Amino acid sequence: MQLSPRIIQSMEILQLPLPALLEKIEQELESNVALELVEPETEPVHEEEIEGDPDFERLAEFEATSGMDFADRSPSSSYKTSGERDGKLDAMASIRARDKSLAEELAGQWSFAEVDPEIAECGKTLLAFLDADGFLTMSDEAMLKQLELDGIVVPTSETLTETIAQLQTWLDPPGLAARSVPESLLIQIDDFIQKGQGGWDTVRLLIADYYDEVLENRLPLIASKTKLSMEEINDAIEKMHLLVLSPGRFLNTETVLPVIPDAFIDFDELHDCFIAGVRDGNLPPLRMSAQYDGMLKDVNVDESAKKFLRRNINSARWIIEAIGQRRTTLLKVVEIVADRQRDFLEQGDAYLRPLPMTEVADMLGIHVATVSRAVSDKWVQTPRGLFPLRRFFSGGTQSDKDGQMSWEAVKARLQEIVNTEDKKKPYSDEKLADKLREQGIEIARRTVVKYRQQMGIPAARLRKEY
């Protein structure tokens, strides 16, 4: 089926979260002459009121005695002489500066390194090969080949090795320019030892010789090979928490923008119910330009100009209607969420109910794809916190004790069971399934495994504490 541009635009705007919608409106305001903002009405300032103001009289008296004329003073960079803000300057001030890359951040540090000129030049080139974690994951052969392809003077293998060692020495935080996570951890441990901090010898031994065994929680095997006590091994593993797995992330200057909720759910104590609403934020009010609408009816305007105006006026009308439709659809969807998910809003994750999008679409008399677009990338503020709107839409299962439960609620129950288990004897996946069945939730072991992996819960062998 061929969709009209109007329908495509409506679907696009419905899917946009609030920050993206604001950006879309700004683009439309720039490109469409028939779309304009509704300016707030201001009270006119009467001249006789200004003349009678004692503050203005004192200013005039001061100018007469001091010889200074404030009327000739240049306006502020942020304000016009009329007192209105300069929109262009404000817009330029609001533009976020480009974030520095990790290589650019470290280039300043490397410039102070006391190394040979050949090493310094090679180091500047190698900084570009660091990944987001701060590691050099490429092999020496791959780096040398890439340098050759880039037309850069290729250093010898010995110079490359020495440069990497110097990068690991001079860059901060320690652990940068390592080839792997274990090497980065060892660099950090050596830095602690050089600073005179004790207690790191056992940690270094475990990471240098038994890194895989630590990851697999094979602590008794480590104890039998090293003759260390289980208490010493546990103390060393606890000390590992001071190490950093991704040192490059400390220098990541990318600004994480705050999440802006598109809707909210609040509790109305007077009527004992949850109410929903849509947050428009600083969404500007729009209207079609009366000036260009009048030109369209003017007989003196030629047909080519009218065609241009007609296209822009129709586009302005469509976007205004699409924004209104987005608000109406989103409000209806959030109202259903507030009604159907009352147990979750009052008691928490374990009481989230199934809410398929097809059911919501049938209730509203719209297509399920419209519901999907309405909840896409949207956030809702609730008394229990800020959540993605899509979180409230999922299938579920039947519980003998609590009725219908969403799969998110089942995951919450699973997390509760894992949190309260005896860590010296953690539950197997089959035992976790049995514990859920005791709560009236019929679930297969393979489903428990899938949910456990999705939630990042390790297997029983890795959860065991010695």
Protein backbone atom coordinates (compact mmCIF):
# COMPACT_ATOMS: atom_id res chain seq x y z
CA MET A 1 0.00 0.00 0.00
CA GLN A 2 1.31 3.41 -0.93
CA LEU A 3 1.28 5.82 2.01
CA SER A 4 0.68 9.53 1.56
CA PRO A 5 3.32 12.01 2.79
CA ARG A 6 0.84 13.17 5.43
CA ILE A 7 0.50 9.69 6.95
CA ILE A 8 4.27 9.14 6.85
CA GLN A 9 4.83 12.45 8.67
CA SER A 10 2.23 11.56 11.32
CA MET A 11 3.86 8.19 11.97
CA GLU A 12 7.29 9.79 12.16
CA ILE A 13 6.21 12.43 14.69
CA LEU A 14 4.29 9.87 16.77
CA GLN A 15 7.47 7.82 17.14
CA LEU A 16 9.70 10.74 18.17
CA PRO A 17 10.57 11.22 21.86
CA LEU A 18 10.33 14.75 23.24
CA PRO A 19 13.96 15.90 22.58
CA ALA A 20 13.83 14.62 18.99
CA LEU A 21 10.42 16.24 18.50
CA LEU A 22 11.83 19.60 19.61
CA GLU A 23 14.64 19.23 17.09
CA LYS A 24 12.13 18.32 14.37
CA ILE A 25 10.05 21.42 15.13
CA GLU A 26 13.14 23.64 14.94
CA GLN A 27 13.96 22.20 11.52
CA GLU A 28 10.41 22.79 10.30
CA LEU A 29 10.45 26.38 11.57
CA GLU A 30 13.62 27.03 9.60
CA SER A 31 12.44 25.43 6.37
CA ASN A 32 8.72 26.30 6.32
CA VAL A 33 7.79 29.97 5.93
CA ALA A 34 4.14 29.25 6.73
CA LEU A 35 4.90 27.81 10.19
CA GLU A 36 5.54 30.18 13.06
CA LEU A 37 5.61 30.33 16.83
CA VAL A 38 2.77 31.75 18.88
CA GLU A 39 4.48 34.65 20.60
CA PRO A 40 3.33 35.43 24.15
CA GLU A 41 1.44 38.67 24.44
CA THR A 42 3.22 41.41 26.35
CA GLU A 43 1.76 44.46 28.00
CA PRO A 44 2.67 47.65 26.10
CA VAL A 45 4.80 50.08 28.09
CA HIS A 46 3.29 53.56 28.03
CA GLU A 47 5.66 56.46 27.61
CA GLU A 48 3.99 58.53 30.34
CA GLU A 49 4.59 55.73 32.84
CA ILE A 50 8.31 55.73 32.04
CA GLU A 51 8.61 59.48 32.32
CA GLY A 52 7.02 59.47 35.74
CA ASP A 53 9.11 56.65 37.11
CA PRO A 54 11.41 57.98 39.90
CA ASP A 55 14.15 55.51 38.88
CA PHE A 56 14.32 57.07 35.42
CA GLU A 57 14.34 60.55 36.96
CA ARG A 58 17.32 59.62 39.17
CA LEU A 59 19.13 58.17 36.13
CA ALA A 60 18.60 61.39 34.16
CA GLU A 61 19.87 63.44 37.11
CA PHE A 62 22.97 61.21 37.40
CA GLU A 63 23.70 61.58 33.68
CA ALA A 64 23.42 65.38 33.95
CA THR A 65 25.86 65.64 36.88
CA SER A 66 28.38 62.99 35.73
CA GLY A 67 28.46 63.80 32.05
CA MET A 68 27.84 60.15 31.16
CA ASP A 69 25.17 59.25 28.64
CA PHE A 70 23.89 55.72 29.19
CA ALA A 71 21.69 55.98 26.11
CA ASP A 72 24.80 55.81 23.93
CA ARG A 73 26.13 52.72 25.69
CA SER A 74 26.48 49.64 23.43
CA PRO A 75 23.97 46.91 24.17
CA SER A 76 24.97 43.77 26.01
CA SER A 77 26.06 40.83 23.91
CA SER A 78 23.05 38.85 25.12
CA TYR A 79 20.40 41.52 24.84
CA LYS A 80 19.21 43.97 22.24
CA THR A 81 18.61 47.62 23.07
CA SER A 82 14.90 46.84 23.46
CA GLY A 83 15.66 44.38 26.24
CA GLU A 84 14.82 41.33 24.13
CA ARG A 85 17.26 38.41 23.99
CA ASP A 86 19.29 37.95 20.86
CA GLY A 87 17.96 34.66 19.51
CA LYS A 88 20.98 33.87 17.34
CA LEU A 89 23.49 34.44 20.13
CA ASP A 90 21.38 32.39 22.53
CA ALA A 91 21.20 29.56 20.01
CA MET A 92 24.98 29.63 19.52
CA ALA A 93 25.54 29.61 23.28
CA SER A 94 23.28 26.58 23.63
CA ILE A 95 25.23 24.48 21.12
CA ARG A 96 27.24 21.81 22.94
CA ALA A 97 30.92 21.79 22.10
CA ARG A 98 32.24 18.74 20.29
CA ASP A 99 33.46 16.12 22.73
CA LYS A 100 37.16 15.28 22.63
CA SER A 101 38.14 11.80 21.58
CA LEU A 102 40.20 9.60 23.89
CA ALA A 103 43.26 10.13 21.67
CA GLU A 104 42.85 13.91 21.89
CA GLU A 105 42.53 13.72 25.68
CA LEU A 106 45.72 11.68 25.98
CA ALA A 107 47.71 13.70 23.44
CA GLY A 108 48.19 16.44 26.02
CA GLN A 109 49.58 13.97 28.56
CA TRP A 110 51.89 12.36 26.02
CA SER A 111 53.32 15.73 24.99
CA PHE A 112 54.97 15.98 28.44
CA ALA A 113 56.53 12.49 28.26
CA GLU A 114 60.34 12.56 28.53
CA VAL A 115 61.14 10.18 25.69
CA ASP A 116 63.23 10.17 22.52
CA PRO A 117 61.78 12.13 19.57
CA GLU A 118 61.27 8.92 17.58
CA ILE A 119 59.30 7.36 20.46
CA ALA A 120 57.31 10.59 20.95
CA GLU A 121 56.29 10.70 17.28
CA CYS A 122 55.39 7.00 17.24
CA GLY A 123 53.36 7.40 20.44
CA LYS A 124 51.26 10.20 18.96
CA THR A 125 50.36 7.88 16.11
CA LEU A 126 49.56 4.90 18.34
CA LEU A 127 47.10 6.91 20.42
CA ALA A 128 44.68 6.72 17.51
CA PHE A 129 44.63 2.91 17.83
CA LEU A 130 43.28 2.93 21.41
CA ASP A 131 39.73 1.62 21.72
CA ALA A 132 37.08 3.14 24.00
CA ASP A 133 38.39 1.12 26.96
CA GLY A 134 41.91 2.45 26.43
CA PHE A 135 43.38 -0.80 25.08
CA LEU A 136 45.59 -1.57 22.08
CA THR A 137 43.77 -4.60 20.76
CA MET A 138 45.49 -4.69 17.35
CA SER A 139 48.52 -6.88 16.86
CA ASP A 140 51.91 -5.33 16.12
CA GLU A 141 51.71 -6.56 12.52
CA ALA A 142 48.23 -5.05 12.05
CA MET A 143 49.33 -1.66 13.45
CA LEU A 144 52.44 -1.55 11.28
CA LYS A 145 50.39 -2.42 8.21
CA GLN A 146 47.80 0.26 9.01
CA LEU A 147 50.52 2.86 9.46
CA GLU A 148 51.90 1.93 6.06
CA LEU A 149 48.45 2.26 4.47
CA ASP A 150 48.02 5.69 6.08
CA GLY A 151 51.27 6.89 4.51
CA ILE A 152 53.02 7.33 7.88
CA VAL A 153 56.69 6.49 8.40
CA VAL A 154 56.61 2.93 9.73
CA PRO A 155 58.70 2.39 12.88
CA THR A 156 60.64 -0.78 13.53
CA SER A 157 59.13 -3.54 15.64
CA GLU A 158 61.58 -2.69 18.45
CA THR A 159 60.52 0.98 18.39
CA LEU A 160 56.87 -0.03 18.42
CA THR A 161 57.38 -2.29 21.46
CA GLU A 162 59.33 0.39 23.32
CA THR A 163 56.70 3.02 22.50
CA ILE A 164 53.89 0.87 23.89
CA ALA A 165 55.88 0.35 27.09
CA GLN A 166 56.42 4.11 27.41
CA LEU A 167 52.72 4.81 26.79
CA GLN A 168 51.86 2.42 29.60
CA THR A 169 54.32 4.27 31.85
CA TRP A 170 53.37 7.90 31.13
CA LEU A 171 49.62 7.81 30.52
CA ASP A 172 47.18 8.28 33.37
CA PRO A 173 45.10 6.56 34.72
CA PRO A 174 47.37 3.50 34.92
CA GLY A 175 46.34 0.58 32.74
CA LEU A 176 46.03 2.48 29.47
CA ALA A 177 47.65 1.15 26.28
CA ALA A 178 47.51 -2.42 27.60
CA ARG A 179 46.94 -5.30 25.21
CA SER A 180 44.30 -7.03 27.35
CA VAL A 181 42.35 -6.74 30.57
CA PRO A 182 44.80 -8.88 32.61
CA GLU A 183 47.76 -6.80 31.39
CA SER A 184 45.90 -3.60 32.30
CA LEU A 185 45.16 -4.94 35.78
CA LEU A 186 48.81 -5.89 36.28
CA ILE A 187 49.91 -2.37 35.26
CA GLN A 188 47.53 -0.93 37.85
CA ILE A 189 48.79 -3.32 40.54
CA ASP A 190 52.42 -2.44 39.79
CA ASP A 191 51.50 1.24 40.12
CA PHE A 192 50.04 0.59 43.59
CA ILE A 193 53.18 -1.35 44.58
CA GLN A 194 55.49 1.42 43.34
CA LYS A 195 53.51 3.91 45.44
CA GLY A 196 54.31 1.82 48.50
CA GLN A 197 50.90 0.28 49.03
CA GLY A 198 51.11 -3.22 50.50
CA GLY A 199 48.90 -6.26 50.18
CA TRP A 200 49.02 -6.49 46.39
CA ASP A 201 51.41 -9.45 45.99
CA THR A 202 48.68 -12.08 46.29
CA VAL A 203 46.41 -10.12 43.93
CA ARG A 204 49.20 -9.96 41.38
CA LEU A 205 49.81 -13.68 41.67
CA LEU A 206 46.14 -14.50 41.07
CA ILE A 207 45.82 -12.26 38.01
CA ALA A 208 49.19 -13.18 36.49
CA ASP A 209 48.90 -16.97 36.89
CA TYR A 210 45.29 -17.83 37.72
CA TYR A 211 43.17 -15.26 35.92
CA ASP A 212 40.90 -17.80 34.19
CA GLU A 213 40.44 -19.78 37.40
CA VAL A 214 39.36 -16.60 39.21
CA LEU A 215 36.82 -15.83 36.49
CA GLU A 216 35.44 -19.37 36.72
CA ASN A 217 35.31 -19.22 40.53
CA ARG A 218 37.59 -22.25 40.92
CA LEU A 219 38.97 -21.03 44.22
CA PRO A 220 39.62 -24.47 45.80
CA LEU A 221 41.81 -25.34 42.79
CA ILE A 222 43.77 -22.09 43.26
CA ALA A 223 44.17 -22.86 46.96
CA SER A 224 45.52 -26.34 46.27
CA LYS A 225 48.07 -25.05 43.72
CA THR A 226 49.24 -21.96 45.61
CA LYS A 227 48.94 -23.28 49.20
CA LEU A 228 47.08 -20.08 50.03
CA SER A 229 44.23 -20.20 52.51
CA MET A 230 40.69 -19.55 51.30
CA GLU A 231 40.62 -16.43 53.47
CA GLU A 232 43.73 -15.03 51.74
CA ILE A 233 42.23 -15.72 48.32
CA ASN A 234 38.92 -14.06 49.23
CA ASP A 235 40.76 -11.03 50.64
CA ALA A 236 42.74 -10.72 47.39
CA ILE A 237 39.57 -10.97 45.29
CA GLU A 238 37.97 -8.28 47.45
CA LYS A 239 40.99 -6.06 46.83
CA MET A 240 40.52 -6.53 43.08
CA HIS A 241 37.45 -4.30 43.32
CA LEU A 242 39.85 -1.32 43.52
CA LEU A 243 41.08 -2.09 40.00
CA VAL A 244 39.46 -0.71 36.85
CA LEU A 245 38.46 -2.91 33.93
CA SER A 246 38.18 -0.03 31.44
CA PRO A 247 40.61 2.80 32.32
CA GLY A 248 39.76 4.63 29.08
CA ARG A 249 36.21 5.17 30.29
CA PHE A 250 37.50 7.55 32.98
CA LEU A 251 38.58 9.96 30.25
CA ASN A 252 35.46 9.60 28.15
CA THR A 253 34.24 13.19 27.92
CA GLU A 254 30.99 12.38 26.15
CA THR A 255 28.16 14.09 28.00
CA VAL A 256 25.24 11.83 28.82
CA LEU A 257 22.11 13.86 28.27
CA PRO A 258 19.39 13.49 30.90
CA VAL A 259 16.31 11.43 30.11
CA ILE A 260 13.28 13.65 29.58
CA PRO A 261 9.98 11.88 30.34
CA ASP A 262 7.32 12.19 27.67
CA ALA A 263 4.50 11.33 30.09
CA PHE A 264 3.81 10.98 33.80
CA ILE A 265 1.64 8.96 36.16
CA ASP A 266 0.73 10.47 39.54
CA PHE A 267 -1.45 9.29 42.39
CA ASP A 268 -4.65 11.24 43.07
CA GLU A 269 -5.30 10.85 46.79
CA LEU A 270 -8.69 12.55 46.58
CA HIS A 271 -10.12 10.00 44.14
CA ASP A 272 -7.79 7.10 45.14
CA CYS A 273 -6.57 6.46 41.60
CA PHE A 274 -3.60 7.01 39.33
CA ILE A 275 -3.88 9.75 36.74
CA ALA A 276 -1.84 10.11 33.56
CA GLY A 277 -0.64 13.09 31.61
CA VAL A 278 1.70 14.10 28.80
CA ARG A 279 4.67 16.36 29.40
CA ASP A 280 5.09 18.90 26.65
CA GLY A 281 8.27 20.28 28.23
CA ASN A 282 9.30 23.45 26.41
CA LEU A 283 7.41 22.38 23.29
CA PRO A 284 6.68 25.67 21.52
CA PRO A 285 3.09 26.48 20.49
CA LEU A 286 2.78 26.57 16.70
CA ARG A 287 0.39 28.19 14.27
CA MET A 288 0.07 28.84 10.56
CA SER A 289 1.18 32.26 9.41
CA ALA A 290 -1.82 34.52 8.82
CA GLN A 291 0.30 36.67 6.51
CA TYR A 292 1.07 33.87 4.06
CA ASP A 293 -2.45 32.49 4.34
CA GLY A 294 -3.70 35.90 3.22
CA MET A 295 -1.24 35.99 0.33
CA LEU A 296 -2.69 32.69 -0.89
CA LYS A 297 -6.08 34.40 -1.30
CA ASP A 298 -4.60 37.54 -2.91
CA VAL A 299 -5.47 37.68 -6.61
CA ASN A 300 -2.37 39.76 -7.31
CA VAL A 301 0.00 36.93 -6.30
CA ASP A 302 1.16 34.86 -9.28
CA GLU A 303 0.35 31.15 -9.53
CA SER A 304 3.91 29.87 -8.96
CA ALA A 305 4.12 31.77 -5.67
CA LYS A 306 0.70 30.44 -4.66
CA LYS A 307 1.82 26.89 -5.39
CA PHE A 308 4.84 27.40 -3.14
CA LEU A 309 2.68 28.91 -0.38
CA ARG A 310 0.05 26.19 -0.69
CA ARG A 311 2.67 23.48 -0.26
CA ASN A 312 4.15 25.15 2.84
CA ILE A 313 0.73 25.90 4.37
CA ASN A 314 -0.37 22.28 3.93
CA SER A 315 2.88 21.07 5.46
CA ALA A 316 2.43 23.44 8.42
CA ARG A 317 -1.14 22.25 8.95
CA TRP A 318 -0.05 18.59 8.82
CA ILE A 319 2.71 18.97 11.38
CA ILE A 320 0.46 20.88 13.79
CA GLU A 321 -2.19 18.18 13.47
CA ALA A 322 0.42 15.40 13.82
CA ILE A 323 1.76 16.91 17.06
CA GLY A 324 -1.78 17.12 18.45
CA GLN A 325 -2.50 13.55 17.39
CA ARG A 326 0.75 12.38 19.01
CA ARG A 327 -0.26 13.96 22.29
CA THR A 328 -3.76 12.44 22.19
CA THR A 329 -2.55 8.92 21.31
CA LEU A 330 0.24 8.96 23.89
CA LEU A 331 -2.15 10.17 26.60
CA LYS A 332 -4.66 7.39 25.87
CA VAL A 333 -1.93 4.75 25.97
CA VAL A 334 -0.49 6.01 29.27
CA GLU A 335 -3.99 6.17 30.79
CA ILE A 336 -4.42 2.45 30.05
CA VAL A 337 -1.02 1.76 31.61
CA ALA A 338 -1.97 3.70 34.75
CA ASP A 339 -5.19 1.70 35.05
CA ARG A 340 -3.82 -1.78 34.27
CA GLN A 341 -0.53 -1.51 36.15
CA ARG A 342 -1.85 -0.21 39.47
CA ASP A 343 -0.41 -3.21 41.36
CA PHE A 344 3.05 -2.43 39.99
CA LEU A 345 2.75 1.27 40.86
CA GLU A 346 1.76 0.39 44.41
CA GLN A 347 3.88 -2.71 45.15
CA GLY A 348 6.78 -2.90 42.71
CA ASP A 349 8.32 -4.98 39.91
CA ALA A 350 7.03 -8.35 41.12
CA TYR A 351 3.44 -7.23 40.42
CA LEU A 352 3.78 -6.07 36.83
CA ARG A 353 0.83 -7.42 34.82
CA PRO A 354 0.82 -8.64 31.21
CA LEU A 355 -0.27 -5.93 28.78
CA PRO A 356 0.04 -6.96 25.10
CA MET A 357 0.08 -4.13 22.58
CA THR A 358 -2.61 -5.90 20.56
CA GLU A 359 -4.97 -5.58 23.50
CA VAL A 360 -4.27 -1.87 23.87
CA ALA A 361 -4.75 -1.39 20.11
CA ASP A 362 -8.17 -3.11 20.30
CA MET A 363 -9.20 -0.92 23.25
CA LEU A 364 -8.27 2.28 21.38
CA GLY A 365 -9.47 1.13 17.96
CA ILE A 366 -6.10 1.70 16.31
CA HIS A 367 -3.50 -0.50 14.65
CA VAL A 368 -0.97 -2.29 16.87
CA ALA A 369 1.83 -0.62 14.89
CA THR A 370 0.48 2.75 16.06
CA VAL A 371 0.72 1.62 19.67
CA SER A 372 4.25 0.39 19.06
CA ARG A 373 5.27 3.77 17.63
CA ALA A 374 3.56 5.62 20.46
CA VAL A 375 5.62 3.82 23.13
CA SER A 376 8.87 3.70 21.15
CA ASP A 377 11.76 5.53 22.87
CA LYS A 378 9.34 7.16 25.31
CA TRP A 379 9.88 7.45 29.07
CA VAL A 380 7.25 7.85 31.77
CA GLN A 381 7.69 9.34 35.25
CA THR A 382 5.88 7.31 37.92
CA PRO A 383 5.75 7.32 41.73
CA ARG A 384 8.18 4.37 41.58
CA GLY A 385 10.68 6.14 39.33
CA LEU A 386 11.43 6.75 35.67
CA PHE A 387 10.80 3.84 33.28
CA PRO A 388 10.78 3.20 29.52
CA LEU A 389 7.14 3.13 28.48
CA ARG A 390 7.72 -0.09 26.53
CA ARG A 391 8.54 -1.85 29.81
CA PHE A 392 4.86 -1.99 30.70
CA PHE A 393 3.98 -3.93 27.54
CA SER A 394 4.74 -7.63 27.57
CA GLY A 395 3.17 -11.03 27.69
CA GLY A 396 3.11 -13.13 30.80
CA THR A 397 1.93 -16.22 32.59
CA GLN A 398 -0.68 -17.25 35.11
CA SER A 399 0.25 -17.53 38.77
CA ASP A 400 -1.86 -19.65 41.09
CA LYS A 401 -1.32 -17.12 43.88
CA ASP A 402 -1.10 -13.70 42.19
CA GLY A 403 -3.13 -14.17 39.00
CA GLN A 404 -1.64 -12.89 35.77
CA MET A 405 2.01 -11.87 35.91
CA SER A 406 4.16 -10.33 33.21
CA TRP A 407 7.50 -11.88 32.31
CA GLU A 408 9.19 -8.84 33.89
CA ALA A 409 7.42 -9.69 37.16
CA VAL A 410 8.64 -13.30 36.88
CA LYS A 411 12.20 -11.98 36.45
CA ALA A 412 11.75 -9.83 39.55
CA ARG A 413 10.65 -12.91 41.55
CA LEU A 414 13.66 -14.82 40.19
CA GLN A 415 15.98 -12.01 41.30
CA GLU A 416 14.43 -12.08 44.79
CA ILE A 417 15.08 -15.83 45.09
CA VAL A 418 18.73 -15.44 44.01
CA ASN A 419 19.24 -12.54 46.42
CA THR A 420 18.01 -14.57 49.40
CA GLU A 421 19.75 -17.89 48.62
CA ASP A 422 22.59 -19.29 50.70
CA LYS A 423 25.66 -18.26 48.72
CA LYS A 424 27.61 -21.22 50.03
CA LYS A 425 24.97 -23.50 48.49
CA PRO A 426 23.42 -21.53 45.61
CA TYR A 427 20.37 -22.89 43.83
CA SER A 428 20.77 -24.74 40.57
CA ASP A 429 18.58 -23.74 37.62
CA GLU A 430 16.25 -26.66 38.33
CA LYS A 431 15.99 -25.58 41.98
CA LEU A 432 15.22 -22.00 40.91
CA ALA A 433 12.39 -23.34 38.74
CA ASP A 434 11.09 -25.32 41.75
CA LYS A 435 11.18 -22.19 43.93
CA LEU A 436 9.13 -20.30 41.33
CA ARG A 437 6.64 -23.19 41.16
CA GLU A 438 6.25 -22.91 44.93
CA GLN A 439 4.99 -19.35 44.27
CA GLY A 440 2.49 -20.71 41.76
CA ILE A 441 4.56 -19.80 38.68
CA GLU A 442 4.84 -22.74 36.29
CA ILE A 443 8.10 -22.30 34.40
CA ALA A 444 10.54 -24.63 32.68
CA ARG A 445 14.22 -24.90 33.64
CA ARG A 446 15.35 -23.73 30.19
CA THR A 447 13.21 -20.58 30.64
CA VAL A 448 14.92 -19.94 33.98
CA VAL A 449 18.30 -20.25 32.23
CA LYS A 450 17.23 -17.76 29.55
CA TYR A 451 15.97 -15.20 32.07
CA ARG A 452 19.01 -15.66 34.30
CA GLN A 453 21.31 -14.94 31.36
CA GLN A 454 19.26 -11.91 30.29
CA MET A 455 19.51 -10.51 33.82
CA GLY A 456 23.26 -11.12 34.04
CA ILE A 457 22.95 -13.62 36.89
CA PRO A 458 25.85 -16.12 36.80
CA ALA A 459 25.35 -19.86 37.03
CA ALA A 460 25.28 -21.52 40.46
CA ARG A 461 28.95 -22.55 40.27
CA LEU A 462 30.00 -18.92 39.70
CA ARG A 463 27.68 -17.59 42.44
CA LYS A 464 29.14 -19.89 45.07
CA GLU A 465 31.11 -18.29 47.89
CA TYR A 466 33.87 -20.21 49.69
